Amino acid sequence: FNIGNNQPVPLLDFIATLERCLGRKADMQ
């Protein structure tokens, strides 16, 4: 069986969500 969320997310959107939760911007390399 696959066991995944079935709701794929672009990596940059994932990072943007993390930035909101942390209240800080990421310096992306």
Full PDB file with SEQRES, HELIX, SHEET, SSBOND, CRYST1, ORIGX, SCALE, CONECT and MASTER records, all heavy atoms in Angstrom:
SEQRES   1 A   29  PHE ASN ILE GLY ASN ASN GLN PRO VAL PRO LEU LEU ASP          
SEQRES   2 A   29  PHE ILE ALA THR LEU GLU ARG CYS LEU GLY ARG LYS ALA          
SEQRES   3 A   29  ASP MET GLN                                                  
HELIX    1 AA1 LEU A   11  LEU A   22  1                                  12    
CRYST1    1.000    1.000    1.000  90.00  90.00  90.00 P 1           1          
ORIGX1      1.000000  0.000000  0.000000        0.00000                         
ORIGX2      0.000000  1.000000  0.000000        0.00000                         
ORIGX3      0.000000  0.000000  1.000000        0.00000                         
SCALE1      1.000000  0.000000  0.000000        0.00000                         
SCALE2      0.000000  1.000000  0.000000        0.00000                         
SCALE3      0.000000  0.000000  1.000000        0.00000                         
ATOM      1  N   PHE A   1       0.831  -1.202   0.000  1.00  0.00           N  
ATOM      2  CA  PHE A   1       0.000   0.000   0.000  1.00  0.00           C  
ATOM      3  C   PHE A   1       0.871   1.260   0.000  1.00  0.00           C  
ATOM      4  O   PHE A   1       1.904   1.305   0.674  1.00  0.00           O  
ATOM      5  CB  PHE A   1      -0.886   0.063   1.251  1.00  0.00           C  
ATOM      6  CG  PHE A   1      -1.941  -0.990   1.337  1.00  0.00           C  
ATOM      7  CD1 PHE A   1      -1.862  -1.985   2.301  1.00  0.00           C  
ATOM      8  CD2 PHE A   1      -3.030  -0.997   0.471  1.00  0.00           C  
ATOM      9  CE1 PHE A   1      -2.827  -2.960   2.413  1.00  0.00           C  
ATOM     10  CE2 PHE A   1      -4.002  -1.985   0.557  1.00  0.00           C  
ATOM     11  CZ  PHE A   1      -3.911  -2.960   1.529  1.00  0.00           C  
ATOM     12  N   ASN A   2       0.423   2.270  -0.732  1.00  0.00           N  
ATOM     13  CA  ASN A   2       0.923   3.622  -0.527  1.00  0.00           C  
ATOM     14  C   ASN A   2       0.277   4.195   0.718  1.00  0.00           C  
ATOM     15  O   ASN A   2      -0.912   3.935   0.982  1.00  0.00           O  
ATOM     16  CB  ASN A   2       0.527   4.536  -1.695  1.00  0.00           C  
ATOM     17  CG  ASN A   2       1.277   4.243  -2.970  1.00  0.00           C  
ATOM     18  OD1 ASN A   2       2.387   3.715  -2.947  1.00  0.00           O  
ATOM     19  ND2 ASN A   2       0.676   4.590  -4.099  1.00  0.00           N  
ATOM     20  N   ILE A   3       1.021   4.998   1.465  1.00  0.00           N  
ATOM     21  CA  ILE A   3       0.410   5.755   2.549  1.00  0.00           C  
ATOM     22  C   ILE A   3       0.985   7.173   2.483  1.00  0.00           C  
ATOM     23  O   ILE A   3       2.105   7.443   2.895  1.00  0.00           O  
ATOM     24  CB  ILE A   3       0.597   5.071   3.927  1.00  0.00           C  
ATOM     25  CG1 ILE A   3      -0.061   5.892   5.021  1.00  0.00           C  
ATOM     26  CG2 ILE A   3       2.032   4.765   4.239  1.00  0.00           C  
ATOM     27  CD1 ILE A   3      -0.287   5.119   6.308  1.00  0.00           C  
ATOM     28  N   GLY A   4       0.195   8.041   1.854  1.00  0.00           N  
ATOM     29  CA  GLY A   4       0.581   9.424   1.642  1.00  0.00           C  
ATOM     30  C   GLY A   4      -0.621  10.329   1.817  1.00  0.00           C  
ATOM     31  O   GLY A   4      -1.761   9.861   1.893  1.00  0.00           O  
ATOM     32  N   ASN A   5      -0.365  11.609   1.843  1.00  0.00           N  
ATOM     33  CA  ASN A   5      -1.439  12.564   2.119  1.00  0.00           C  
ATOM     34  C   ASN A   5      -2.356  12.786   0.929  1.00  0.00           C  
ATOM     35  O   ASN A   5      -3.460  13.293   1.076  1.00  0.00           O  
ATOM     36  CB  ASN A   5      -0.844  13.908   2.567  1.00  0.00           C  
ATOM     37  CG  ASN A   5      -1.819  14.738   3.370  1.00  0.00           C  
ATOM     38  OD1 ASN A   5      -2.588  14.199   4.170  1.00  0.00           O  
ATOM     39  ND2 ASN A   5      -1.813  16.033   3.158  1.00  0.00           N  
ATOM     40  N   ASN A   6      -1.875  12.421  -0.277  1.00  0.00           N  
ATOM     41  CA  ASN A   6      -2.661  12.583  -1.486  1.00  0.00           C  
ATOM     42  C   ASN A   6      -2.997  14.053  -1.758  1.00  0.00           C  
ATOM     43  O   ASN A   6      -3.965  14.362  -2.443  1.00  0.00           O  
ATOM     44  CB  ASN A   6      -3.949  11.738  -1.406  1.00  0.00           C  
ATOM     45  CG  ASN A   6      -4.616  11.558  -2.754  1.00  0.00           C  
ATOM     46  OD1 ASN A   6      -5.831  11.687  -2.868  1.00  0.00           O  
ATOM     47  ND2 ASN A   6      -3.849  11.240  -3.770  1.00  0.00           N  
ATOM     48  N   GLN A   7      -2.196  14.957  -1.165  1.00  0.00           N  
ATOM     49  CA  GLN A   7      -2.352  16.399  -1.402  1.00  0.00           C  
ATOM     50  C   GLN A   7      -0.960  17.002  -1.583  1.00  0.00           C  
ATOM     51  O   GLN A   7      -0.445  17.688  -0.707  1.00  0.00           O  
ATOM     52  CB  GLN A   7      -3.066  17.070  -0.220  1.00  0.00           C  
ATOM     53  CG  GLN A   7      -4.493  16.599  -0.006  1.00  0.00           C  
ATOM     54  CD  GLN A   7      -5.146  17.299   1.179  1.00  0.00           C  
ATOM     55  OE1 GLN A   7      -4.947  18.484   1.395  1.00  0.00           O  
ATOM     56  NE2 GLN A   7      -5.914  16.559   1.946  1.00  0.00           N  
ATOM     57  N   PRO A   8      -0.318  16.731  -2.718  1.00  0.00           N  
ATOM     58  CA  PRO A   8       1.068  17.173  -2.924  1.00  0.00           C  
ATOM     59  C   PRO A   8       1.199  18.694  -2.859  1.00  0.00           C  
ATOM     60  O   PRO A   8       0.300  19.436  -3.271  1.00  0.00           O  
ATOM     61  CB  PRO A   8       1.406  16.640  -4.315  1.00  0.00           C  
ATOM     62  CG  PRO A   8       0.094  16.383  -4.973  1.00  0.00           C  
ATOM     63  CD  PRO A   8      -0.857  16.009  -3.884  1.00  0.00           C  
ATOM     64  N   VAL A   9       2.335  19.138  -2.321  1.00  0.00           N  
ATOM     65  CA  VAL A   9       2.562  20.566  -2.070  1.00  0.00           C  
ATOM     66  C   VAL A   9       3.896  20.980  -2.697  1.00  0.00           C  
ATOM     67  O   VAL A   9       4.915  20.302  -2.476  1.00  0.00           O  
ATOM     68  CB  VAL A   9       2.608  20.839  -0.544  1.00  0.00           C  
ATOM     69  CG1 VAL A   9       2.969  22.286  -0.256  1.00  0.00           C  
ATOM     70  CG2 VAL A   9       1.278  20.470   0.101  1.00  0.00           C  
ATOM     71  N   PRO A  10       3.927  22.058  -3.456  1.00  0.00           N  
ATOM     72  CA  PRO A  10       5.215  22.569  -3.946  1.00  0.00           C  
ATOM     73  C   PRO A  10       6.126  22.919  -2.773  1.00  0.00           C  
ATOM     74  O   PRO A  10       5.666  23.460  -1.762  1.00  0.00           O  
ATOM     75  CB  PRO A  10       4.825  23.824  -4.740  1.00  0.00           C  
ATOM     76  CG  PRO A  10       3.391  23.590  -5.133  1.00  0.00           C  
ATOM     77  CD  PRO A  10       2.788  22.836  -3.988  1.00  0.00           C  
ATOM     78  N   LEU A  11       7.409  22.629  -2.917  1.00  0.00           N  
ATOM     79  CA  LEU A  11       8.353  22.855  -1.830  1.00  0.00           C  
ATOM     80  C   LEU A  11       8.374  24.318  -1.385  1.00  0.00           C  
ATOM     81  O   LEU A  11       8.460  24.614  -0.188  1.00  0.00           O  
ATOM     82  CB  LEU A  11       9.755  22.409  -2.252  1.00  0.00           C  
ATOM     83  CG  LEU A  11      10.869  22.588  -1.219  1.00  0.00           C  
ATOM     84  CD1 LEU A  11      10.556  21.828   0.066  1.00  0.00           C  
ATOM     85  CD2 LEU A  11      12.209  22.135  -1.791  1.00  0.00           C  
ATOM     86  N   LEU A  12       8.291  25.238  -2.315  1.00  0.00           N  
ATOM     87  CA  LEU A  12       8.317  26.655  -1.946  1.00  0.00           C  
ATOM     88  C   LEU A  12       7.079  27.055  -1.141  1.00  0.00           C  
ATOM     89  O   LEU A  12       7.160  27.921  -0.264  1.00  0.00           O  
ATOM     90  CB  LEU A  12       8.463  27.531  -3.190  1.00  0.00           C  
ATOM     91  CG  LEU A  12       9.791  27.392  -3.943  1.00  0.00           C  
ATOM     92  CD1 LEU A  12       9.827  28.305  -5.161  1.00  0.00           C  
ATOM     93  CD2 LEU A  12      10.985  27.664  -3.027  1.00  0.00           C  
ATOM     94  N   ASP A  13       5.939  26.426  -1.409  1.00  0.00           N  
ATOM     95  CA  ASP A  13       4.744  26.676  -0.597  1.00  0.00           C  
ATOM     96  C   ASP A  13       4.925  26.111   0.811  1.00  0.00           C  
ATOM     97  O   ASP A  13       4.471  26.707   1.799  1.00  0.00           O  
ATOM     98  CB  ASP A  13       3.500  26.054  -1.250  1.00  0.00           C  
ATOM     99  CG  ASP A  13       3.077  26.774  -2.519  1.00  0.00           C  
ATOM    100  OD1 ASP A  13       3.675  27.831  -2.834  1.00  0.00           O  
ATOM    101  OD2 ASP A  13       2.160  26.277  -3.206  1.00  0.00           O  
ATOM    102  N   PHE A  14       5.562  24.961   0.889  1.00  0.00           N  
ATOM    103  CA  PHE A  14       5.859  24.339   2.183  1.00  0.00           C  
ATOM    104  C   PHE A  14       6.741  25.270   3.016  1.00  0.00           C  
ATOM    105  O   PHE A  14       6.487  25.502   4.202  1.00  0.00           O  
ATOM    106  CB  PHE A  14       6.573  23.009   1.927  1.00  0.00           C  
ATOM    107  CG  PHE A  14       6.832  22.169   3.145  1.00  0.00           C  
ATOM    108  CD1 PHE A  14       5.840  21.367   3.688  1.00  0.00           C  
ATOM    109  CD2 PHE A  14       8.096  22.142   3.737  1.00  0.00           C  
ATOM    110  CE1 PHE A  14       6.089  20.558   4.791  1.00  0.00           C  
ATOM    111  CE2 PHE A  14       8.348  21.346   4.838  1.00  0.00           C  
ATOM    112  CZ  PHE A  14       7.341  20.550   5.366  1.00  0.00           C  
ATOM    113  N   ILE A  15       7.764  25.836   2.379  1.00  0.00           N  
ATOM    114  CA  ILE A  15       8.660  26.764   3.072  1.00  0.00           C  
ATOM    115  C   ILE A  15       7.908  28.028   3.495  1.00  0.00           C  
ATOM    116  O   ILE A  15       8.105  28.540   4.613  1.00  0.00           O  
ATOM    117  CB  ILE A  15       9.865  27.113   2.176  1.00  0.00           C  
ATOM    118  CG1 ILE A  15      10.735  25.859   1.974  1.00  0.00           C  
ATOM    119  CG2 ILE A  15      10.694  28.247   2.791  1.00  0.00           C  
ATOM    120  CD1 ILE A  15      11.811  26.015   0.915  1.00  0.00           C  
ATOM    121  N   ALA A  16       7.026  28.524   2.627  1.00  0.00           N  
ATOM    122  CA  ALA A  16       6.253  29.723   2.965  1.00  0.00           C  
ATOM    123  C   ALA A  16       5.358  29.485   4.176  1.00  0.00           C  
ATOM    124  O   ALA A  16       5.193  30.366   5.037  1.00  0.00           O  
ATOM    125  CB  ALA A  16       5.411  30.158   1.763  1.00  0.00           C  
ATOM    126  N   THR A  17       4.784  28.292   4.268  1.00  0.00           N  
ATOM    127  CA  THR A  17       3.953  27.948   5.429  1.00  0.00           C  
ATOM    128  C   THR A  17       4.803  27.908   6.695  1.00  0.00           C  
ATOM    129  O   THR A  17       4.392  28.389   7.760  1.00  0.00           O  
ATOM    130  CB  THR A  17       3.258  26.589   5.216  1.00  0.00           C  
ATOM    131  OG1 THR A  17       2.458  26.655   4.028  1.00  0.00           O  
ATOM    132  CG2 THR A  17       2.374  26.224   6.403  1.00  0.00           C  
ATOM    133  N   LEU A  18       5.997  27.352   6.595  1.00  0.00           N  
ATOM    134  CA  LEU A  18       6.905  27.312   7.739  1.00  0.00           C  
ATOM    135  C   LEU A  18       7.292  28.728   8.165  1.00  0.00           C  
ATOM    136  O   LEU A  18       7.348  29.033   9.365  1.00  0.00           O  
ATOM    137  CB  LEU A  18       8.149  26.497   7.393  1.00  0.00           C  
ATOM    138  CG  LEU A  18       9.248  26.430   8.464  1.00  0.00           C  
ATOM    139  CD1 LEU A  18       8.710  25.841   9.763  1.00  0.00           C  
ATOM    140  CD2 LEU A  18      10.442  25.628   7.954  1.00  0.00           C  
ATOM    141  N   GLU A  19       7.545  29.600   7.203  1.00  0.00           N  
ATOM    142  CA  GLU A  19       7.893  30.989   7.518  1.00  0.00           C  
ATOM    143  C   GLU A  19       6.775  31.665   8.310  1.00  0.00           C  
ATOM    144  O   GLU A  19       7.032  32.378   9.294  1.00  0.00           O  
ATOM    145  CB  GLU A  19       8.158  31.776   6.230  1.00  0.00           C  
ATOM    146  CG  GLU A  19       9.443  31.396   5.518  1.00  0.00           C  
ATOM    147  CD  GLU A  19       9.589  32.104   4.180  1.00  0.00           C  
ATOM    148  OE1 GLU A  19       8.539  32.332   3.508  1.00  0.00           O  
ATOM    149  OE2 GLU A  19      10.716  32.429   3.792  1.00  0.00           O  
ATOM    150  N   ARG A  20       5.542  31.415   7.911  1.00  0.00           N  
ATOM    151  CA  ARG A  20       4.394  32.006   8.632  1.00  0.00           C  
ATOM    152  C   ARG A  20       4.316  31.467  10.058  1.00  0.00           C  
ATOM    153  O   ARG A  20       4.052  32.221  11.000  1.00  0.00           O  
ATOM    154  CB  ARG A  20       3.098  31.728   7.879  1.00  0.00           C  
ATOM    155  CG  ARG A  20       2.936  32.548   6.601  1.00  0.00           C  
ATOM    156  CD  ARG A  20       1.524  32.485   6.063  1.00  0.00           C  
ATOM    157  NE  ARG A  20       1.165  31.142   5.618  1.00  0.00           N  
ATOM    158  CZ  ARG A  20       1.392  30.674   4.398  1.00  0.00           C  
ATOM    159  NH1 ARG A  20       1.998  31.442   3.493  1.00  0.00           N  
ATOM    160  NH2 ARG A  20       1.019  29.453   4.056  1.00  0.00           N  
ATOM    161  N   CYS A  21       4.537  30.190  10.218  1.00  0.00           N  
ATOM    162  CA  CYS A  21       4.451  29.588  11.559  1.00  0.00           C  
ATOM    163  C   CYS A  21       5.574  30.088  12.466  1.00  0.00           C  
ATOM    164  O   CYS A  21       5.389  30.248  13.679  1.00  0.00           O  
ATOM    165  CB  CYS A  21       4.506  28.065  11.460  1.00  0.00           C  
ATOM    166  SG  CYS A  21       3.015  27.319  10.753  1.00  0.00           S  
ATOM    167  N   LEU A  22       6.743  30.335  11.890  1.00  0.00           N  
ATOM    168  CA  LEU A  22       7.886  30.810  12.676  1.00  0.00           C  
ATOM    169  C   LEU A  22       7.891  32.328  12.832  1.00  0.00           C  
ATOM    170  O   LEU A  22       8.586  32.864  13.703  1.00  0.00           O  
ATOM    171  CB  LEU A  22       9.201  30.373  12.022  1.00  0.00           C  
ATOM    172  CG  LEU A  22       9.523  28.875  12.046  1.00  0.00           C  
ATOM    173  CD1 LEU A  22      10.753  28.578  11.200  1.00  0.00           C  
ATOM    174  CD2 LEU A  22       9.730  28.380  13.477  1.00  0.00           C  
ATOM    175  N   GLY A  23       7.155  33.013  11.963  1.00  0.00           N  
ATOM    176  CA  GLY A  23       7.175  34.480  11.989  1.00  0.00           C  
ATOM    177  C   GLY A  23       8.498  35.039  11.511  1.00  0.00           C  
ATOM    178  O   GLY A  23       8.896  36.146  11.889  1.00  0.00           O  
ATOM    179  N   ARG A  24       9.197  34.284  10.653  1.00  0.00           N  
ATOM    180  CA  ARG A  24      10.495  34.713  10.122  1.00  0.00           C  
ATOM    181  C   ARG A  24      10.614  34.302   8.666  1.00  0.00           C  
ATOM    182  O   ARG A  24      10.045  33.293   8.248  1.00  0.00           O  
ATOM    183  CB  ARG A  24      11.646  34.090  10.919  1.00  0.00           C  
ATOM    184  CG  ARG A  24      11.614  34.383  12.410  1.00  0.00           C  
ATOM    185  CD  ARG A  24      12.913  33.949  13.052  1.00  0.00           C  
ATOM    186  NE  ARG A  24      12.830  34.009  14.507  1.00  0.00           N  
ATOM    187  CZ  ARG A  24      13.871  33.823  15.307  1.00  0.00           C  
ATOM    188  NH1 ARG A  24      15.063  33.580  14.799  1.00  0.00           N  
ATOM    189  NH2 ARG A  24      13.719  33.876  16.630  1.00  0.00           N  
ATOM    190  N   LYS A  25      11.399  35.067   7.927  1.00  0.00           N  
ATOM    191  CA  LYS A  25      11.649  34.753   6.525  1.00  0.00           C  
ATOM    192  C   LYS A  25      12.894  33.865   6.409  1.00  0.00           C  
ATOM    193  O   LYS A  25      13.837  33.983   7.193  1.00  0.00           O  
ATOM    194  CB  LYS A  25      11.869  36.034   5.711  1.00  0.00           C  
ATOM    195  CG  LYS A  25      10.638  36.923   5.616  1.00  0.00           C  
ATOM    196  CD  LYS A  25       9.505  36.269   4.834  1.00  0.00           C  
ATOM    197  CE  LYS A  25       9.825  36.187   3.349  1.00  0.00           C  
ATOM    198  NZ  LYS A  25       8.683  35.613   2.570  1.00  0.00           N  
ATOM    199  N   ALA A  26      12.871  33.011   5.410  1.00  0.00           N  
ATOM    200  CA  ALA A  26      14.018  32.129   5.158  1.00  0.00           C  
ATOM    201  C   ALA A  26      14.957  32.756   4.137  1.00  0.00           C  
ATOM    202  O   ALA A  26      14.511  33.364   3.160  1.00  0.00           O  
ATOM    203  CB  ALA A  26      13.529  30.784   4.644  1.00  0.00           C  
ATOM    204  N   ASP A  27      16.233  32.598   4.378  1.00  0.00           N  
ATOM    205  CA  ASP A  27      17.255  32.957   3.401  1.00  0.00           C  
ATOM    206  C   ASP A  27      17.537  31.690   2.607  1.00  0.00           C  
ATOM    207  O   ASP A  27      18.168  30.755   3.116  1.00  0.00           O  
ATOM    208  CB  ASP A  27      18.508  33.450   4.121  1.00  0.00           C  
ATOM    209  CG  ASP A  27      19.666  33.727   3.162  1.00  0.00           C  
ATOM    210  OD1 ASP A  27      19.421  33.770   1.937  1.00  0.00           O  
ATOM    211  OD2 ASP A  27      20.807  33.873   3.636  1.00  0.00           O  
ATOM    212  N   MET A  28      17.040  31.643   1.361  1.00  0.00           N  
ATOM    213  CA  MET A  28      17.109  30.407   0.586  1.00  0.00           C  
ATOM    214  C   MET A  28      18.345  30.351  -0.302  1.00  0.00           C  
ATOM    215  O   MET A  28      18.597  31.260  -1.086  1.00  0.00           O  
ATOM    216  CB  MET A  28      15.849  30.239  -0.261  1.00  0.00           C  
ATOM    217  CG  MET A  28      14.608  29.918   0.554  1.00  0.00           C  
ATOM    218  SD  MET A  28      13.167  29.549  -0.465  1.00  0.00           S  
ATOM    219  CE  MET A  28      12.604  31.198  -0.835  1.00  0.00           C  
ATOM    220  N   GLN A  29      19.094  29.275  -0.155  1.00  0.00           N  
ATOM    221  CA  GLN A  29      20.235  29.000  -1.014  1.00  0.00           C  
ATOM    222  C   GLN A  29      19.782  27.996  -2.064  1.00  0.00           C  
ATOM    223  O   GLN A  29      19.614  26.812  -1.775  1.00  0.00           O  
ATOM    224  CB  GLN A  29      21.392  28.426  -0.183  1.00  0.00           C  
ATOM    225  CG  GLN A  29      22.653  28.165  -0.966  1.00  0.00           C  
ATOM    226  CD  GLN A  29      23.754  27.556  -0.095  1.00  0.00           C  
ATOM    227  OE1 GLN A  29      23.542  27.262   1.080  1.00  0.00           O  
ATOM    228  NE2 GLN A  29      24.917  27.354  -0.677  1.00  0.00           N  
TER     229      GLN A  29                                                      
MASTER        0    0    0    1    0    0    0    6  228    1    0    3          
END                                                                             
